[in-house]
Amino acid sequence: MSIKFEFKRMIALLLLAIFAWTLLLLRGNILGTRAYTFMEWNLFLALVPYGISCIMLLIGNFKKSKWRTFGLIALGILWFLFFPNAPYLFTSYMFFARIFEFEEGLMRFALQPWYDFVLLTSFIWCGILAGLASLGIVHGIIEKHFGKITGWVAVIIVNFLSSWAIYLGRFIRLNSWYVFTNPGVLLPYLWLCRERVLFILLLGIFMMLVYIVVYFFIGHDVRKFK
């Protein structure tokens, strides 16, 4: 993938992020109350793996050496730990269930629910698109060094492990850095009951399909290193 292309994509994501943060900042003035301030932190965490993958893209264009290989492996591990924060934003759709009101089966018009709809959607899709972009970069790096099959196997593994991580983050309220700071707390949740397995499969398949659609709609050739 060309660095020039990635820079353009970065600018597009930045514009969407600025739009989302502006809506959040102005919500108090327009609607009278502040809400959803936690989305700032969620989006920041979602952008971290994208930032890491961009650094990997730069390093991947360096002259081949053992230091380049070491840097890509180290950053790849760090990226993997933070990546679930991007698709985690999918679960923020649950807030939509309580922002609209109906009267006699008809949706009642009010500015607040639609303002919040655009606000939340802007945060959610900025993070998701950043996650898809970062996964595409890492996919390209793995494909370049290990081949297409290995690249797609890695994408599948990342998506399904991320689904498990999203379960831990949304329902158990555990964070990525617990792998380093308190790994023992994860052990009780290695056992997966039927509902957990179905949740992971459902979300993992959905995330995989979203990536495939974006991969082929945009054109996978742009992800190849030049």
Protein backbone atom coordinates (compact mmCIF):
# COMPACT_ATOMS: atom_id res chain seq x y z
CA MET A 1 0.00 0.00 0.00
CA SER A 2 1.30 3.43 -0.83
CA ILE A 3 1.97 5.85 2.02
CA LYS A 4 0.39 8.59 -0.08
CA PHE A 5 -2.91 6.69 -0.24
CA GLU A 6 -2.85 6.06 3.50
CA PHE A 7 -2.21 9.74 4.19
CA LYS A 8 -5.36 10.63 2.24
CA ARG A 9 -7.35 8.06 4.18
CA MET A 10 -5.97 9.44 7.43
CA ILE A 11 -7.17 12.94 6.51
CA ALA A 12 -10.66 11.57 5.74
CA LEU A 13 -10.83 9.81 9.11
CA LEU A 14 -9.58 12.95 10.84
CA LEU A 15 -12.37 15.01 9.26
CA LEU A 16 -14.98 12.53 10.49
CA ALA A 17 -13.43 12.50 13.96
CA ILE A 18 -13.45 16.32 14.10
CA PHE A 19 -17.10 16.32 13.04
CA ALA A 20 -18.00 13.83 15.78
CA TRP A 21 -16.08 15.71 18.48
CA THR A 22 -17.66 19.00 17.35
CA LEU A 23 -21.15 17.54 17.70
CA LEU A 24 -20.28 16.30 21.17
CA LEU A 25 -18.83 19.68 22.15
CA LEU A 26 -21.87 21.60 20.90
CA ARG A 27 -24.47 19.24 22.34
CA GLY A 28 -24.68 21.12 25.63
CA ASN A 29 -25.30 24.43 23.87
CA ILE A 30 -27.82 23.06 21.37
CA LEU A 31 -29.74 20.57 23.51
CA GLY A 32 -29.03 21.96 26.96
CA THR A 33 -27.24 18.92 28.40
CA ARG A 34 -24.01 17.05 27.80
CA ALA A 35 -24.09 13.31 27.15
CA TYR A 36 -22.08 10.50 25.59
CA THR A 37 -18.78 12.04 26.66
CA PHE A 38 -17.42 8.49 27.09
CA MET A 39 -17.42 8.19 23.29
CA GLU A 40 -14.34 10.45 23.21
CA TRP A 41 -12.32 7.84 25.07
CA ASN A 42 -13.82 4.98 23.07
CA LEU A 43 -12.87 6.66 19.80
CA PHE A 44 -9.37 7.45 21.04
CA LEU A 45 -8.83 3.78 21.88
CA ALA A 46 -10.22 2.80 18.48
CA LEU A 47 -7.74 5.10 16.75
CA VAL A 48 -4.74 3.68 18.63
CA PRO A 49 -4.46 0.49 16.51
CA TYR A 50 -4.80 2.58 13.36
CA GLY A 51 -1.89 4.75 14.50
CA ILE A 52 0.17 1.66 15.26
CA SER A 53 -0.59 0.15 11.85
CA CYS A 54 0.46 3.39 10.12
CA ILE A 55 3.82 3.18 11.90
CA MET A 56 4.07 -0.44 10.75
CA LEU A 57 3.38 0.71 7.20
CA LEU A 58 6.25 3.19 7.41
CA ILE A 59 8.63 0.61 8.87
CA GLY A 60 7.55 -1.90 6.22
CA ASN A 61 8.93 0.44 3.57
CA PHE A 62 12.37 0.54 5.20
CA LYS A 63 15.24 -1.48 3.86
CA LYS A 64 14.99 -5.12 4.91
CA SER A 65 16.87 -5.83 8.13
CA LYS A 66 16.52 -7.71 11.40
CA TRP A 67 15.57 -4.44 13.13
CA ARG A 68 12.72 -3.89 10.68
CA THR A 69 11.49 -7.43 11.31
CA PHE A 70 11.75 -6.99 15.08
CA GLY A 71 9.91 -3.66 14.90
CA LEU A 72 7.08 -5.11 12.81
CA ILE A 73 6.65 -8.09 15.16
CA ALA A 74 6.67 -5.92 18.31
CA LEU A 75 4.24 -3.40 16.86
CA GLY A 76 2.10 -6.22 15.46
CA ILE A 77 1.65 -7.68 18.95
CA LEU A 78 0.79 -4.25 20.34
CA TRP A 79 -1.63 -3.66 17.46
CA PHE A 80 -3.32 -7.00 18.10
CA LEU A 81 -3.93 -6.13 21.75
CA PHE A 82 -5.50 -2.77 20.93
CA PHE A 83 -7.37 -3.72 17.75
CA PRO A 84 -10.58 -4.96 19.50
CA ASN A 85 -11.17 -1.38 20.68
CA ALA A 86 -12.16 -0.46 17.11
CA PRO A 87 -14.91 -3.06 16.43
CA TYR A 88 -15.95 -2.66 20.09
CA LEU A 89 -17.73 0.49 18.91
CA PHE A 90 -20.27 -1.74 17.14
CA THR A 91 -21.76 -2.39 20.59
CA SER A 92 -22.50 1.32 21.00
CA TYR A 93 -25.53 0.77 18.79
CA MET A 94 -27.31 -0.38 21.93
CA PHE A 95 -27.75 3.28 22.88
CA PHE A 96 -30.04 3.78 19.86
CA ALA A 97 -32.70 1.66 21.54
CA ARG A 98 -33.54 4.45 23.98
CA ILE A 99 -33.15 7.66 22.00
CA PHE A 100 -36.29 7.48 19.83
CA GLU A 101 -39.87 7.91 21.02
CA PHE A 102 -43.09 6.67 19.42
CA GLU A 103 -46.74 7.70 19.77
CA GLU A 104 -49.43 5.33 18.53
CA GLY A 105 -46.92 3.51 16.37
CA LEU A 106 -45.56 6.69 14.78
CA MET A 107 -42.15 8.19 15.43
CA ARG A 108 -42.48 11.53 17.17
CA PHE A 109 -40.21 14.20 15.73
CA ALA A 110 -37.71 15.80 18.08
CA LEU A 111 -34.27 17.22 17.42
CA GLN A 112 -32.49 15.48 20.30
CA PRO A 113 -32.81 11.83 19.14
CA TRP A 114 -31.70 12.68 15.61
CA TYR A 115 -28.85 14.84 16.87
CA ASP A 116 -27.73 11.95 19.08
CA PHE A 117 -28.19 9.50 16.21
CA VAL A 118 -25.78 11.45 13.99
CA LEU A 119 -23.41 12.06 16.92
CA LEU A 120 -23.20 8.39 17.90
CA THR A 121 -23.03 7.17 14.30
CA SER A 122 -20.16 9.57 13.59
CA PHE A 123 -18.16 8.22 16.54
CA ILE A 124 -19.02 4.60 15.80
CA TRP A 125 -18.15 4.64 12.13
CA CYS A 126 -15.05 6.73 12.55
CA GLY A 127 -13.70 4.07 14.90
CA ILE A 128 -14.90 1.16 12.78
CA LEU A 129 -13.48 2.59 9.55
CA ALA A 130 -10.18 3.25 11.32
CA GLY A 131 -10.21 -0.36 12.50
CA LEU A 132 -10.93 -1.67 9.00
CA ALA A 133 -8.12 0.49 7.62
CA SER A 134 -5.66 -0.77 10.22
CA LEU A 135 -6.67 -4.38 9.61
CA GLY A 136 -6.14 -3.82 5.90
CA ILE A 137 -2.63 -2.50 6.52
CA VAL A 138 -1.66 -5.42 8.76
CA HIS A 139 -3.29 -7.84 6.33
CA GLY A 140 -1.13 -6.40 3.55
CA ILE A 141 2.06 -6.70 5.61
CA ILE A 142 1.37 -10.34 6.52
CA GLU A 143 0.40 -11.15 2.94
CA LYS A 144 3.59 -9.58 1.63
CA HIS A 145 5.85 -11.60 3.93
CA PHE A 146 3.93 -14.89 4.31
CA GLY A 147 1.52 -15.16 1.37
CA LYS A 148 -2.20 -14.72 0.72
CA ILE A 149 -3.45 -17.75 2.61
CA THR A 150 -1.58 -16.78 5.77
CA GLY A 151 -2.86 -13.22 5.41
CA TRP A 152 -6.50 -14.31 5.31
CA VAL A 153 -6.03 -16.83 8.12
CA ALA A 154 -4.63 -14.01 10.26
CA VAL A 155 -7.63 -11.80 9.44
CA ILE A 156 -10.04 -14.56 10.48
CA ILE A 157 -8.19 -15.21 13.74
CA VAL A 158 -8.04 -11.50 14.57
CA ASN A 159 -11.75 -11.00 13.95
CA PHE A 160 -12.90 -13.93 16.09
CA LEU A 161 -10.47 -13.25 18.93
CA SER A 162 -11.61 -9.61 18.81
CA SER A 163 -15.20 -10.80 19.23
CA TRP A 164 -14.18 -12.58 22.41
CA ALA A 165 -12.34 -9.46 23.57
CA ILE A 166 -15.44 -7.35 22.83
CA TYR A 167 -17.48 -9.69 25.02
CA LEU A 168 -14.97 -9.23 27.84
CA GLY A 169 -14.94 -5.47 27.38
CA ARG A 170 -18.67 -4.83 27.05
CA PHE A 171 -20.09 -7.29 29.56
CA ILE A 172 -17.24 -8.07 31.97
CA ARG A 173 -15.70 -4.58 31.68
CA LEU A 174 -12.12 -5.76 31.17
CA ASN A 175 -9.53 -3.77 29.23
CA SER A 176 -6.83 -4.72 26.70
CA TRP A 177 -3.98 -3.78 29.00
CA TYR A 178 -5.08 -6.39 31.56
CA VAL A 179 -3.10 -8.86 29.43
CA PHE A 180 0.01 -7.13 30.85
CA THR A 181 -1.17 -5.72 34.18
CA ASN A 182 -3.43 -8.49 35.47
CA PRO A 183 -3.57 -11.51 33.12
CA GLY A 184 -4.97 -13.76 35.85
CA VAL A 185 -8.29 -11.94 35.77
CA LEU A 186 -8.88 -13.29 32.24
CA LEU A 187 -8.61 -16.96 33.20
CA PRO A 188 -12.21 -17.47 34.44
CA TYR A 189 -13.51 -16.27 31.09
CA LEU A 190 -11.54 -18.71 28.96
CA TRP A 191 -14.39 -21.14 29.56
CA LEU A 192 -17.07 -20.38 26.98
CA CYS A 193 -20.68 -21.38 27.51
CA ARG A 194 -23.15 -21.81 24.64
CA GLU A 195 -24.36 -18.20 24.68
CA ARG A 196 -20.82 -16.80 24.75
CA VAL A 197 -19.81 -19.01 21.84
CA LEU A 198 -22.85 -17.92 19.82
CA PHE A 199 -22.16 -14.26 20.59
CA ILE A 200 -18.53 -14.61 19.48
CA LEU A 201 -19.52 -16.49 16.32
CA LEU A 202 -22.27 -14.00 15.47
CA LEU A 203 -20.09 -10.93 15.93
CA GLY A 204 -17.02 -12.57 14.40
CA ILE A 205 -18.84 -13.60 11.23
CA PHE A 206 -20.41 -10.15 10.93
CA MET A 207 -17.05 -8.40 11.36
CA MET A 208 -15.45 -10.76 8.85
CA LEU A 209 -18.15 -10.05 6.28
CA VAL A 210 -17.86 -6.28 6.80
CA TYR A 211 -14.13 -6.50 6.18
CA ILE A 212 -14.59 -8.64 3.07
CA VAL A 213 -17.17 -6.23 1.64
CA VAL A 214 -14.93 -3.21 2.25
CA TYR A 215 -11.88 -5.12 0.97
CA PHE A 216 -13.44 -5.91 -2.39
CA PHE A 217 -15.62 -2.82 -2.81
CA ILE A 218 -12.71 -0.44 -2.34
CA GLY A 219 -10.34 -2.64 -4.29
CA HIS A 220 -7.85 -4.91 -2.56
CA ASP A 221 -5.08 -3.90 -4.94
CA VAL A 222 -4.65 -0.58 -3.09
CA ARG A 223 -3.44 -2.53 -0.08
CA LYS A 224 -0.48 -4.01 -1.90
CA PHE A 225 2.90 -2.54 -1.09
CA LYS A 226 4.57 -0.61 -3.86
